N, C-alpha and C. Protein backbone atom coordinates (compact mmCIF):
# COMPACT_ATOMS: atom_id res chain seq x y z
N UNK A 1 -12.58 -74.97 35.40
CA UNK A 1 -12.56 -74.88 33.96
C UNK A 1 -12.33 -73.43 33.51
N UNK A 2 -13.00 -72.48 34.16
CA UNK A 2 -12.87 -71.08 33.80
C UNK A 2 -11.43 -70.61 34.06
N UNK A 3 -10.80 -71.12 35.10
CA UNK A 3 -9.43 -70.77 35.43
C UNK A 3 -8.49 -71.21 34.31
N UNK A 4 -8.70 -72.42 33.79
CA UNK A 4 -7.89 -72.94 32.69
C UNK A 4 -8.06 -72.08 31.45
N UNK A 5 -9.28 -71.67 31.17
CA UNK A 5 -9.55 -70.83 30.01
C UNK A 5 -8.82 -69.50 30.13
N UNK A 6 -8.86 -68.90 31.32
CA UNK A 6 -8.17 -67.63 31.54
C UNK A 6 -6.66 -67.80 31.41
N UNK A 7 -6.13 -68.88 31.93
CA UNK A 7 -4.70 -69.16 31.83
C UNK A 7 -4.29 -69.33 30.37
N UNK A 8 -5.07 -70.08 29.63
CA UNK A 8 -4.78 -70.29 28.21
C UNK A 8 -4.85 -68.97 27.44
N UNK A 9 -5.79 -68.12 27.78
CA UNK A 9 -5.92 -66.82 27.11
C UNK A 9 -4.69 -65.95 27.40
N UNK A 10 -4.22 -65.98 28.65
CA UNK A 10 -3.02 -65.21 29.01
C UNK A 10 -1.80 -65.74 28.27
N UNK A 11 -1.68 -67.05 28.17
CA UNK A 11 -0.54 -67.64 27.45
C UNK A 11 -0.57 -67.27 25.97
N UNK A 12 -1.75 -67.30 25.39
CA UNK A 12 -1.90 -66.95 23.98
C UNK A 12 -1.54 -65.48 23.75
N UNK A 13 -2.00 -64.63 24.66
CA UNK A 13 -1.70 -63.20 24.57
C UNK A 13 -0.20 -62.97 24.71
N UNK A 14 0.44 -63.64 25.66
CA UNK A 14 1.89 -63.50 25.86
C UNK A 14 2.64 -63.96 24.61
N UNK A 15 2.20 -65.04 24.01
CA UNK A 15 2.85 -65.55 22.80
C UNK A 15 2.77 -64.52 21.67
N UNK A 16 1.61 -63.91 21.50
CA UNK A 16 1.43 -62.90 20.45
C UNK A 16 2.36 -61.71 20.70
N UNK A 17 2.47 -61.28 21.96
CA UNK A 17 3.33 -60.14 22.29
C UNK A 17 4.79 -60.48 22.03
N UNK A 18 5.21 -61.68 22.35
CA UNK A 18 6.59 -62.11 22.08
C UNK A 18 6.85 -62.12 20.58
N UNK A 19 5.89 -62.59 19.81
CA UNK A 19 6.04 -62.63 18.36
C UNK A 19 6.16 -61.21 17.80
N UNK A 20 5.39 -60.28 18.33
CA UNK A 20 5.48 -58.89 17.88
C UNK A 20 6.84 -58.30 18.24
N UNK A 21 7.33 -58.63 19.41
CA UNK A 21 8.68 -58.19 19.80
C UNK A 21 9.73 -58.74 18.86
N UNK A 22 9.54 -59.97 18.42
CA UNK A 22 10.45 -60.58 17.47
C UNK A 22 10.48 -59.82 16.15
N UNK A 23 9.36 -59.26 15.76
CA UNK A 23 9.31 -58.46 14.53
C UNK A 23 10.17 -57.20 14.68
N UNK A 24 10.13 -56.61 15.84
CA UNK A 24 10.95 -55.41 16.10
C UNK A 24 12.43 -55.77 15.96
N UNK A 25 12.81 -56.91 16.53
CA UNK A 25 14.20 -57.36 16.44
C UNK A 25 14.56 -57.65 15.00
N UNK A 26 13.71 -58.37 14.28
CA UNK A 26 13.97 -58.74 12.88
C UNK A 26 14.12 -57.50 12.01
N UNK A 27 13.40 -56.44 12.34
CA UNK A 27 13.48 -55.19 11.57
C UNK A 27 14.73 -54.38 11.91
N UNK A 28 15.51 -54.84 12.89
CA UNK A 28 16.72 -54.13 13.27
C UNK A 28 16.48 -52.93 14.17
N UNK A 29 15.35 -52.97 14.89
CA UNK A 29 14.98 -51.82 15.73
C UNK A 29 15.04 -52.14 17.23
N UNK A 30 15.77 -53.16 17.60
CA UNK A 30 15.81 -53.64 18.98
C UNK A 30 16.18 -52.55 19.98
N UNK A 31 17.09 -51.67 19.61
CA UNK A 31 17.60 -50.70 20.59
C UNK A 31 16.96 -49.32 20.49
N UNK A 32 15.91 -49.22 19.70
CA UNK A 32 15.20 -47.93 19.61
C UNK A 32 14.31 -47.74 20.83
N UNK A 33 14.04 -46.51 21.14
CA UNK A 33 13.18 -46.18 22.28
C UNK A 33 11.74 -46.57 21.97
N UNK A 34 11.02 -46.97 23.01
CA UNK A 34 9.62 -47.37 22.85
C UNK A 34 8.77 -46.28 22.24
N UNK A 35 9.01 -45.03 22.65
CA UNK A 35 8.22 -43.91 22.12
C UNK A 35 8.42 -43.77 20.61
N UNK A 36 9.64 -43.96 20.14
CA UNK A 36 9.90 -43.89 18.71
C UNK A 36 9.18 -45.00 17.98
N UNK A 37 9.25 -46.22 18.50
CA UNK A 37 8.58 -47.35 17.87
C UNK A 37 7.08 -47.15 17.81
N UNK A 38 6.50 -46.70 18.90
CA UNK A 38 5.06 -46.46 18.92
C UNK A 38 4.69 -45.35 17.94
N UNK A 39 5.48 -44.28 17.93
CA UNK A 39 5.23 -43.19 16.99
C UNK A 39 5.30 -43.66 15.55
N UNK A 40 6.28 -44.50 15.26
CA UNK A 40 6.43 -45.03 13.90
C UNK A 40 5.22 -45.88 13.51
N UNK A 41 4.74 -46.71 14.45
CA UNK A 41 3.58 -47.54 14.16
C UNK A 41 2.31 -46.71 13.98
N UNK A 42 2.16 -45.68 14.79
CA UNK A 42 1.00 -44.80 14.65
C UNK A 42 1.04 -44.10 13.29
N UNK A 43 2.21 -43.59 12.93
CA UNK A 43 2.37 -42.93 11.63
C UNK A 43 2.11 -43.90 10.49
N UNK A 44 2.58 -45.12 10.60
CA UNK A 44 2.32 -46.12 9.58
C UNK A 44 0.82 -46.37 9.43
N UNK A 45 0.13 -46.49 10.55
CA UNK A 45 -1.31 -46.69 10.50
C UNK A 45 -2.01 -45.57 9.77
N UNK A 46 -1.60 -44.34 10.02
CA UNK A 46 -2.19 -43.18 9.34
C UNK A 46 -1.91 -43.22 7.84
N UNK A 47 -0.67 -43.55 7.49
CA UNK A 47 -0.31 -43.59 6.07
C UNK A 47 -1.03 -44.70 5.33
N UNK A 48 -1.22 -45.84 6.00
CA UNK A 48 -1.94 -46.94 5.35
C UNK A 48 -3.39 -46.56 5.09
N UNK A 49 -3.99 -45.82 6.01
CA UNK A 49 -5.37 -45.37 5.80
C UNK A 49 -5.45 -44.36 4.67
N UNK A 50 -4.44 -43.50 4.57
CA UNK A 50 -4.44 -42.45 3.54
C UNK A 50 -4.11 -43.00 2.15
N UNK A 51 -3.28 -44.07 2.10
CA UNK A 51 -2.85 -44.61 0.81
C UNK A 51 -2.78 -46.13 0.90
N UNK A 52 -3.90 -46.81 0.66
CA UNK A 52 -3.94 -48.27 0.77
C UNK A 52 -2.95 -48.98 -0.15
N UNK A 53 -2.47 -48.33 -1.18
CA UNK A 53 -1.48 -48.92 -2.08
C UNK A 53 -0.16 -49.23 -1.38
N UNK A 54 0.13 -48.48 -0.33
CA UNK A 54 1.35 -48.72 0.43
C UNK A 54 1.33 -50.11 1.08
N UNK A 55 0.18 -50.57 1.42
CA UNK A 55 0.04 -51.87 2.09
C UNK A 55 0.68 -52.98 1.25
N UNK A 56 0.38 -52.99 -0.03
CA UNK A 56 0.91 -54.05 -0.92
C UNK A 56 2.43 -53.98 -1.00
N UNK A 57 2.96 -52.78 -1.13
CA UNK A 57 4.43 -52.61 -1.20
C UNK A 57 5.09 -53.09 0.07
N UNK A 58 4.51 -52.73 1.22
CA UNK A 58 5.09 -53.14 2.50
C UNK A 58 4.93 -54.64 2.73
N UNK A 59 3.83 -55.22 2.25
CA UNK A 59 3.65 -56.67 2.34
C UNK A 59 4.74 -57.40 1.56
N UNK A 60 5.09 -56.85 0.40
CA UNK A 60 6.14 -57.45 -0.42
C UNK A 60 7.48 -57.40 0.31
N UNK A 61 7.80 -56.27 0.90
CA UNK A 61 9.04 -56.12 1.64
C UNK A 61 9.08 -57.11 2.81
N UNK A 62 7.98 -57.19 3.55
CA UNK A 62 7.92 -58.10 4.69
C UNK A 62 8.01 -59.56 4.29
N UNK A 63 7.34 -59.93 3.22
CA UNK A 63 7.39 -61.32 2.74
C UNK A 63 8.80 -61.70 2.35
N UNK A 64 9.52 -60.78 1.71
CA UNK A 64 10.91 -61.04 1.35
C UNK A 64 11.77 -61.21 2.59
N UNK A 65 11.54 -60.40 3.61
CA UNK A 65 12.31 -60.51 4.85
C UNK A 65 12.05 -61.83 5.56
N UNK A 66 10.83 -62.31 5.47
CA UNK A 66 10.47 -63.60 6.09
C UNK A 66 10.89 -64.77 5.21
N UNK A 67 11.27 -64.51 4.00
CA UNK A 67 11.53 -65.60 3.08
C UNK A 67 10.22 -66.21 2.61
N UNK A 68 9.18 -65.37 2.58
CA UNK A 68 7.84 -65.75 2.12
C UNK A 68 7.12 -66.71 3.05
N UNK A 69 7.54 -66.82 4.32
CA UNK A 69 6.82 -67.69 5.25
C UNK A 69 5.95 -66.90 6.22
N UNK A 70 5.89 -65.57 6.07
CA UNK A 70 5.09 -64.74 6.98
C UNK A 70 3.67 -64.59 6.50
N UNK A 71 2.82 -64.18 7.45
CA UNK A 71 1.40 -63.94 7.10
C UNK A 71 1.27 -62.50 6.68
């Protein structure tokens, strides 16, 4: 039973990582270097902490890109 739980957890984790990769592709950043992508995400995290108002603006942009079906 524990083996099944671990397998399911790995599958769930892999699915989440694939979905995150899909976001990179959808944003048009497929061919960017990993270091640039990580740096951009780190910078975004810092900016969101410094200015929470940016979150709403970026949520609007993302929702439009998803056609309003994203979380």
